[in-house]
């Protein structure tokens, strides 16, 4: 058993190094090579590599039997909200995806959305658990962190041409409606996480009781 445990730790260290190297390579291409739909695969790989640590943390912390359903719910939630927003303009504002970030499901929502949003929610919630023992405050902080992350990601993505808002926006091409939408959808996502994780201690030294 000890041999297997040591072998598993070595495998994880190797995988972590490969992921770190992959992020460096992908980051180089995304900042130095003009992105076109021809290189959509690079963007897709970046999203998957970005998602791995959060997904691994969840399944390791609360187990595969509970972790996979949680990830499935977050995935479906992200796809549903994004599809509604693309079809109606609510709650983020009218915007469209280009073909630079992966194939669109049914010609509407890129499949990468399923792996791009959940890690942000998981990371924000994890950080919030270290900052307060109160559930209400934790939800507010996690939502705030989510919106702050989007204030970096959204302008950068618009600049790279992953998506664009039909009428532009005051914040580097991003409208206020987008951030207001993230407050609402982010809060719901945090509540989903809280529901699944309330009876577990998913991160060391985190608060788990109110």
Protein backbone atom coordinates (compact mmCIF):
# COMPACT_ATOMS: atom_id res chain seq x y z
CA UNK A 1 0.00 0.00 0.00
CA UNK A 2 2.83 2.38 0.87
CA UNK A 3 4.53 1.66 -2.47
CA UNK A 4 1.28 2.45 -4.31
CA UNK A 5 0.87 5.67 -2.31
CA UNK A 6 4.40 6.84 -3.13
CA UNK A 7 3.91 5.92 -6.77
CA UNK A 8 0.67 7.93 -6.85
CA UNK A 9 2.38 10.98 -5.36
CA UNK A 10 5.17 10.74 -7.93
CA UNK A 11 2.60 10.49 -10.72
CA UNK A 12 0.78 13.58 -9.45
CA UNK A 13 4.01 15.56 -9.24
CA UNK A 14 4.84 14.61 -12.80
CA UNK A 15 1.35 15.52 -13.97
CA UNK A 16 1.54 18.87 -12.17
CA UNK A 17 4.82 19.68 -13.92
CA UNK A 18 3.32 18.74 -17.28
CA UNK A 19 0.29 20.94 -16.63
CA UNK A 20 2.52 23.86 -15.62
CA UNK A 21 4.63 23.40 -18.74
CA UNK A 22 1.49 23.15 -20.86
CA UNK A 23 0.17 26.42 -19.44
CA UNK A 24 3.44 28.17 -20.27
CA UNK A 25 3.39 26.87 -23.85
CA UNK A 26 -0.26 27.72 -24.37
CA UNK A 27 0.24 31.14 -22.79
CA UNK A 28 3.10 31.85 -25.18
CA UNK A 29 1.02 30.98 -28.22
CA UNK A 30 -1.97 32.98 -27.03
CA UNK A 31 0.13 36.12 -26.45
CA UNK A 32 2.57 35.89 -29.37
CA UNK A 33 0.67 34.19 -32.17
CA UNK A 34 -2.32 35.94 -33.82
CA UNK A 35 -5.32 33.84 -32.86
CA UNK A 36 -7.65 32.70 -35.61
CA UNK A 37 -10.26 29.97 -35.75
CA UNK A 38 -7.51 27.78 -37.15
CA UNK A 39 -5.93 27.69 -33.67
CA UNK A 40 -9.12 27.12 -31.71
CA UNK A 41 -7.68 23.83 -30.49
CA UNK A 42 -4.98 25.67 -28.53
CA UNK A 43 -7.60 27.71 -26.68
CA UNK A 44 -9.57 24.55 -25.94
CA UNK A 45 -6.50 22.83 -24.49
CA UNK A 46 -5.84 25.87 -22.30
CA UNK A 47 -9.36 25.68 -20.86
CA UNK A 48 -9.04 21.96 -20.07
CA UNK A 49 -5.64 22.38 -18.42
CA UNK A 50 -6.98 25.30 -16.40
CA UNK A 51 -9.93 23.21 -15.19
CA UNK A 52 -7.93 20.17 -14.08
CA UNK A 53 -6.65 21.38 -10.65
CA UNK A 54 -10.10 22.49 -9.48
CA UNK A 55 -11.76 19.28 -10.68
CA UNK A 56 -9.08 17.14 -9.06
CA UNK A 57 -9.40 19.06 -5.79
CA UNK A 58 -13.16 18.54 -5.64
CA UNK A 59 -13.10 14.81 -6.37
CA UNK A 60 -10.20 14.25 -3.99
CA UNK A 61 -11.83 16.23 -1.19
CA UNK A 62 -15.38 14.93 -1.21
CA UNK A 63 -14.92 11.75 -3.23
CA UNK A 64 -15.74 10.82 -6.78
CA UNK A 65 -19.31 9.77 -5.94
CA UNK A 66 -20.21 13.25 -4.73
CA UNK A 67 -17.67 15.21 -6.72
CA UNK A 68 -18.77 14.09 -10.17
CA UNK A 69 -22.46 14.99 -9.61
CA UNK A 70 -21.39 18.42 -8.34
CA UNK A 71 -19.21 19.00 -11.41
CA UNK A 72 -22.02 17.78 -13.66
CA UNK A 73 -24.47 20.25 -12.09
CA UNK A 74 -22.01 23.13 -12.41
CA UNK A 75 -21.30 22.17 -16.02
CA UNK A 76 -24.96 22.02 -17.01
CA UNK A 77 -25.66 25.26 -15.13
CA UNK A 78 -22.86 27.08 -16.96
CA UNK A 79 -24.03 25.83 -20.36
CA UNK A 80 -27.66 26.67 -19.61
CA UNK A 81 -26.98 30.23 -18.45
CA UNK A 82 -24.62 30.90 -21.34
CA UNK A 83 -27.08 29.56 -23.90
CA UNK A 84 -29.92 31.65 -22.48
CA UNK A 85 -27.69 34.72 -22.53
CA UNK A 86 -26.67 34.13 -26.14
CA UNK A 87 -30.28 33.63 -27.21
CA UNK A 88 -31.88 36.46 -25.25
CA UNK A 89 -29.15 38.86 -24.13
CA UNK A 90 -30.09 38.22 -20.50
CA UNK A 91 -28.40 38.48 -18.06
CA UNK A 92 -25.05 39.51 -19.56
CA UNK A 93 -26.07 41.66 -22.50
CA UNK A 94 -26.04 40.88 -26.21
CA UNK A 95 -22.83 39.18 -27.25
CA UNK A 96 -21.58 36.58 -29.69
CA UNK A 97 -18.80 34.00 -29.65
CA UNK A 98 -16.32 33.74 -32.46
CA UNK A 99 -14.92 30.37 -33.46
CA UNK A 100 -11.65 30.90 -31.56
CA UNK A 101 -12.60 29.11 -28.35
CA UNK A 102 -13.95 25.77 -29.50
CA UNK A 103 -16.77 24.21 -31.48
CA UNK A 104 -20.23 25.54 -30.69
CA UNK A 105 -22.80 23.06 -29.39
CA UNK A 106 -25.82 23.19 -31.70
CA UNK A 107 -24.20 26.23 -33.27
CA UNK A 108 -24.75 28.35 -30.16
CA UNK A 109 -22.51 27.80 -27.12
CA UNK A 110 -18.85 26.69 -27.27
CA UNK A 111 -18.31 23.37 -25.49
CA UNK A 112 -15.39 24.91 -23.60
CA UNK A 113 -17.84 26.95 -21.50
CA UNK A 114 -18.58 23.72 -19.64
CA UNK A 115 -14.99 23.66 -18.35
CA UNK A 116 -14.23 27.39 -18.15
CA UNK A 117 -16.77 28.65 -15.60
CA UNK A 118 -16.87 25.88 -12.91
CA UNK A 119 -13.17 26.23 -11.93
CA UNK A 120 -13.69 29.96 -11.32
CA UNK A 121 -16.63 29.23 -9.03
CA UNK A 122 -14.76 26.46 -7.22
CA UNK A 123 -11.66 28.61 -6.71
CA UNK A 124 -13.69 31.58 -5.47
CA UNK A 125 -15.62 29.43 -3.02
CA UNK A 126 -12.42 27.75 -1.79
CA UNK A 127 -10.84 31.15 -1.12
CA UNK A 128 -13.95 32.36 0.69
CA UNK A 129 -13.92 29.36 3.05
CA UNK A 130 -10.56 30.55 4.34
CA UNK A 131 -11.82 34.06 5.03
CA UNK A 132 -15.00 33.60 7.06
CA UNK A 133 -16.89 30.93 9.03
CA UNK A 134 -20.28 32.48 8.24
CA UNK A 135 -22.18 30.96 5.32
CA UNK A 136 -23.88 34.20 4.28
CA UNK A 137 -20.62 36.15 4.30
CA UNK A 138 -18.86 33.29 2.53
CA UNK A 139 -21.39 33.37 -0.29
CA UNK A 140 -21.02 37.13 -0.65
CA UNK A 141 -17.22 36.96 -0.69
CA UNK A 142 -17.14 34.08 -3.19
CA UNK A 143 -19.51 35.97 -5.49
CA UNK A 144 -17.38 39.10 -5.19
CA UNK A 145 -14.24 37.13 -6.10
CA UNK A 146 -16.01 35.62 -9.10
CA UNK A 147 -16.95 39.04 -10.42
CA UNK A 148 -13.42 40.34 -9.81
CA UNK A 149 -12.05 37.41 -11.82
CA UNK A 150 -14.42 38.22 -14.64
CA UNK A 151 -13.28 41.84 -14.66
CA UNK A 152 -9.89 40.49 -15.76
CA UNK A 153 -10.99 37.58 -17.95
CA UNK A 154 -13.78 39.26 -19.91
CA UNK A 155 -11.81 42.29 -21.19
CA UNK A 156 -8.85 40.05 -22.06
CA UNK A 157 -11.11 37.63 -23.94
CA UNK A 158 -12.77 40.46 -25.85
CA UNK A 159 -9.34 41.80 -26.74
CA UNK A 160 -8.24 38.35 -27.98
CA UNK A 161 -11.43 38.05 -30.01
CA UNK A 162 -12.95 35.06 -28.21
CA UNK A 163 -16.26 36.90 -27.98
CA UNK A 164 -17.58 40.41 -28.41
CA UNK A 165 -20.50 42.50 -27.19
CA UNK A 166 -22.78 43.79 -29.90
CA UNK A 167 -22.89 47.33 -28.51
CA UNK A 168 -19.48 47.31 -26.87
CA UNK A 169 -19.08 48.48 -23.31
CA UNK A 170 -17.52 51.06 -21.01
CA UNK A 171 -14.95 48.68 -19.48
CA UNK A 172 -12.58 47.68 -22.28
CA UNK A 173 -15.48 46.71 -24.50
CA UNK A 174 -17.49 45.00 -21.75
CA UNK A 175 -20.86 46.48 -20.64
CA UNK A 176 -22.05 46.93 -17.07
CA UNK A 177 -24.84 44.40 -17.70
CA UNK A 178 -22.23 41.65 -17.94
CA UNK A 179 -20.91 42.25 -14.44
CA UNK A 180 -24.39 42.62 -12.99
CA UNK A 181 -25.27 39.32 -14.63
CA UNK A 182 -22.23 37.69 -13.08
CA UNK A 183 -23.34 38.82 -9.64
CA UNK A 184 -26.65 37.00 -10.03
CA UNK A 185 -25.45 33.86 -11.79
CA UNK A 186 -22.32 33.69 -9.65
CA UNK A 187 -24.34 33.84 -6.45
CA UNK A 188 -26.52 30.96 -7.62
CA UNK A 189 -23.42 28.97 -8.53
CA UNK A 190 -21.97 29.60 -5.08
CA UNK A 191 -25.20 28.38 -3.47
CA UNK A 192 -24.94 25.17 -5.52
CA UNK A 193 -21.40 24.65 -4.24
CA UNK A 194 -22.44 25.41 -0.68
CA UNK A 195 -25.24 22.88 -0.90
CA UNK A 196 -22.91 20.10 -2.02
CA UNK A 197 -20.02 20.98 0.29
CA UNK A 198 -21.83 22.03 3.48
CA UNK A 199 -21.33 18.65 5.17
CA UNK A 200 -17.69 18.26 4.10
CA UNK A 201 -14.36 19.90 4.72
CA UNK A 202 -13.06 20.21 1.17
CA UNK A 203 -9.95 22.31 1.88
CA UNK A 204 -7.50 22.19 4.80
CA UNK A 205 -7.97 24.90 7.42
CA UNK A 206 -11.18 26.09 5.78
CA UNK A 207 -14.27 27.07 7.72
CA UNK A 208 -17.11 24.58 7.42
CA UNK A 209 -19.63 25.67 10.02
CA UNK A 210 -21.53 28.86 10.52
